[in-house]
Amino acid sequence: MTNFSDELYYKRSLVDMTIQPMEMEHAKQICEWQYESPYDLYHWPPWDIMQQDEIEFGDPVLRRMQYASVLNRGQELIGFAQFFPIVGVTRLGLGLHPALCGRGIGTDFTRLITREAIHRAPKNSIDLEVLTWNVRAIRTYERAGFIVDDTYVRQTPEGPAEFHCMVYHSSP
């Protein structure tokens, strides 16, 4: 596993992050990420199950069309993005490597992914969903230019949960 605490390998700067198509090796790595509680609900199933059941980036077509890897300047995987198409909207899904969460890089990470979404579909609005209890993520998204547009309950694998839909307006 990469030691992201070494500043030689990672700096908190947009220029040090790039987006590229998600490779199968990156998808496998993401399935191994382990988040601390209460963020452990963001764990993905094991790679063999993802691939067998063609779940999300386990489906090669969906991976190619909707998913991207975010790499640091050393070409190490630091996160991923999903660009989910809805009529007139690009809905973002994103995940940062667990070792990098809470380290102050989420805003630049989110801005990079948002810029990519604008590049891919410039006429679309951009939104994302976030659990209402995830204050850390909500603050990050607000700093990246998103505002809460709606709040609702929807079903999750753990049961019903309350979400905010946050819409991108502009970079502060």
Protein backbone atom coordinates (compact mmCIF):
# COMPACT_ATOMS: atom_id res chain seq x y z
CA MET A 1 0.00 0.00 0.00
CA THR A 2 1.16 3.50 -0.75
CA ASN A 3 2.25 5.75 2.11
CA PHE A 4 0.48 9.00 1.27
CA SER A 5 1.89 10.77 4.32
CA ASP A 6 5.14 11.43 2.46
CA GLU A 7 4.85 14.87 0.83
CA LEU A 8 7.28 13.72 -1.88
CA TYR A 9 4.49 11.54 -3.24
CA TYR A 10 1.51 13.78 -2.71
CA LYS A 11 0.95 17.50 -2.51
CA ARG A 12 -2.38 19.24 -1.94
CA SER A 13 -2.56 20.77 -5.38
CA LEU A 14 -4.83 20.36 -8.37
CA VAL A 15 -1.83 20.20 -10.69
CA ASP A 16 -0.66 17.07 -8.89
CA MET A 17 -3.90 15.19 -9.65
CA THR A 18 -4.92 13.84 -13.03
CA ILE A 19 -7.91 11.92 -14.32
CA GLN A 20 -7.63 8.94 -16.62
CA PRO A 21 -9.91 6.09 -17.68
CA MET A 22 -10.30 3.54 -14.89
CA GLU A 23 -8.13 0.51 -15.50
CA MET A 24 -9.10 -2.90 -14.16
CA GLU A 25 -6.15 -2.79 -11.75
CA HIS A 26 -7.50 0.45 -10.26
CA ALA A 27 -10.95 -1.11 -9.88
CA LYS A 28 -9.40 -4.03 -7.98
CA GLN A 29 -7.52 -1.65 -5.68
CA ILE A 30 -10.67 0.34 -4.88
CA CYS A 31 -12.38 -2.87 -3.76
CA GLU A 32 -9.62 -3.31 -1.17
CA TRP A 33 -10.01 0.14 0.39
CA GLN A 34 -11.13 0.05 4.02
CA TYR A 35 -12.71 3.16 5.51
CA GLU A 36 -13.00 3.77 9.26
CA SER A 37 -16.42 3.86 10.88
CA PRO A 38 -18.84 5.53 10.20
CA TYR A 39 -17.54 5.78 6.62
CA ASP A 40 -17.16 2.00 6.31
CA LEU A 41 -20.52 1.85 4.55
CA TYR A 42 -18.60 3.08 1.47
CA HIS A 43 -16.74 -0.23 1.15
CA TRP A 44 -17.17 -1.98 -2.18
CA PRO A 45 -17.78 -5.73 -2.46
CA PRO A 46 -14.75 -7.91 -3.24
CA TRP A 47 -13.48 -7.53 -6.83
CA ASP A 48 -14.41 -11.09 -7.88
CA ILE A 49 -18.05 -10.44 -6.88
CA MET A 50 -18.08 -7.00 -8.55
CA GLN A 51 -16.80 -8.59 -11.75
CA GLN A 52 -18.97 -11.71 -11.60
CA ASP A 53 -22.17 -9.75 -10.96
CA GLU A 54 -21.08 -6.84 -13.19
CA ILE A 55 -21.70 -4.37 -10.36
CA GLU A 56 -20.76 -0.76 -11.18
CA PHE A 57 -17.09 -0.63 -12.28
CA GLY A 58 -17.06 -4.45 -12.27
CA ASP A 59 -18.96 -4.14 -15.56
CA PRO A 60 -16.30 -3.33 -18.20
CA VAL A 61 -18.72 -1.31 -20.36
CA LEU A 62 -19.97 0.78 -17.43
CA ARG A 63 -16.40 1.22 -16.19
CA ARG A 64 -15.31 2.55 -19.58
CA MET A 65 -18.31 4.86 -20.03
CA GLN A 66 -18.80 6.28 -16.53
CA TYR A 67 -15.76 5.73 -14.30
CA ALA A 68 -12.37 7.41 -14.09
CA SER A 69 -9.35 7.10 -11.85
CA VAL A 70 -7.69 10.03 -10.13
CA LEU A 71 -3.92 9.66 -9.90
CA ASN A 72 -1.21 11.63 -8.13
CA ARG A 73 1.91 12.81 -9.90
CA GLY A 74 3.57 9.47 -9.14
CA GLN A 75 0.71 7.81 -11.10
CA GLU A 76 -0.63 6.22 -7.91
CA LEU A 77 -4.38 5.79 -7.49
CA ILE A 78 -5.71 8.32 -4.98
CA GLY A 79 -9.41 8.27 -5.87
CA PHE A 80 -12.10 7.69 -8.44
CA ALA A 81 -15.05 9.42 -10.04
CA GLN A 82 -18.28 8.30 -11.64
CA PHE A 83 -19.97 10.53 -14.21
CA PHE A 84 -23.53 9.21 -14.21
CA PRO A 85 -25.61 10.60 -17.08
CA ILE A 86 -29.14 11.80 -16.43
CA VAL A 87 -31.04 13.88 -19.00
CA GLY A 88 -29.46 17.35 -18.75
CA VAL A 89 -27.47 16.40 -15.62
CA THR A 90 -24.20 14.73 -14.80
CA ARG A 91 -24.44 13.14 -11.35
CA LEU A 92 -21.08 12.72 -9.70
CA GLY A 93 -19.99 9.84 -7.56
CA LEU A 94 -16.56 10.11 -6.03
CA GLY A 95 -14.29 8.39 -3.60
CA LEU A 96 -10.95 9.37 -2.11
CA HIS A 97 -8.42 6.80 -0.89
CA PRO A 98 -9.12 6.17 2.83
CA ALA A 99 -5.58 7.22 3.84
CA LEU A 100 -6.23 10.65 2.30
CA CYS A 101 -9.64 11.35 3.85
CA GLY A 102 -9.76 14.19 6.36
CA ARG A 103 -6.39 15.58 5.19
CA GLY A 104 -7.69 18.74 3.48
CA ILE A 105 -7.43 17.63 -0.15
CA GLY A 106 -11.10 16.85 -0.77
CA THR A 107 -11.96 20.30 -2.11
CA ASP A 108 -9.27 20.22 -4.82
CA PHE A 109 -10.18 16.59 -5.56
CA THR A 110 -13.86 17.55 -5.98
CA ARG A 111 -13.00 20.59 -8.12
CA LEU A 112 -10.89 18.44 -10.44
CA ILE A 113 -13.74 15.95 -10.90
CA THR A 114 -16.24 18.79 -11.42
CA ARG A 115 -14.04 20.33 -14.12
CA GLU A 116 -13.87 16.95 -15.85
CA ALA A 117 -17.68 16.68 -15.72
CA ILE A 118 -17.97 20.13 -17.31
CA HIS A 119 -15.47 19.09 -19.98
CA ARG A 120 -17.39 15.88 -20.74
CA ALA A 121 -20.85 17.47 -20.91
CA PRO A 122 -20.58 21.28 -20.87
CA LYS A 123 -24.33 21.88 -21.21
CA ASN A 124 -25.29 19.62 -18.30
CA SER A 125 -25.83 20.77 -14.76
CA ILE A 126 -23.77 18.86 -12.20
CA ASP A 127 -25.01 17.38 -8.97
CA LEU A 128 -24.19 14.75 -6.38
CA GLU A 129 -25.88 13.00 -3.49
CA VAL A 130 -24.49 12.90 0.04
CA LEU A 131 -25.82 11.39 3.23
CA THR A 132 -27.02 14.21 5.49
CA TRP A 133 -24.91 12.97 8.44
CA ASN A 134 -21.68 13.20 6.38
CA VAL A 135 -20.83 16.76 7.46
CA ARG A 136 -17.17 16.36 6.43
CA ALA A 137 -18.17 15.66 2.82
CA ILE A 138 -20.88 18.35 2.79
CA ARG A 139 -18.37 21.02 3.87
CA THR A 140 -15.94 19.83 1.20
CA TYR A 141 -18.58 19.99 -1.52
CA GLU A 142 -19.68 23.46 -0.40
CA ARG A 143 -16.07 24.71 -0.63
CA ALA A 144 -15.92 23.22 -4.15
CA GLY A 145 -18.99 25.24 -5.25
CA PHE A 146 -21.96 22.95 -4.49
CA ILE A 147 -25.08 23.97 -2.57
CA VAL A 148 -27.83 21.85 -1.05
CA ASP A 149 -30.76 21.87 -3.46
CA ASP A 150 -33.00 19.15 -2.02
CA THR A 151 -33.20 16.69 0.88
CA TYR A 152 -34.99 13.36 0.68
CA VAL A 153 -35.06 9.80 1.97
CA ARG A 154 -34.15 6.94 -0.32
CA GLN A 155 -33.44 3.26 0.07
CA THR A 156 -29.86 2.02 0.60
CA PRO A 157 -28.52 -1.50 1.19
CA GLU A 158 -28.70 -0.70 4.94
CA GLY A 159 -32.28 0.61 4.73
CA PRO A 160 -33.80 4.08 4.24
CA ALA A 161 -31.42 7.02 4.65
CA GLU A 162 -31.66 10.79 4.29
CA PHE A 163 -29.67 12.43 1.49
CA HIS A 164 -28.94 15.94 0.28
CA CYS A 165 -28.82 16.55 -3.44
CA MET A 166 -26.13 19.18 -3.94
CA VAL A 167 -25.89 21.15 -7.19
CA TYR A 168 -22.76 22.82 -8.55
CA HIS A 169 -23.11 26.56 -9.04
CA SER A 170 -19.63 27.98 -9.28
CA SER A 171 -16.21 27.62 -7.80
CA PRO A 172 -15.80 30.00 -4.86
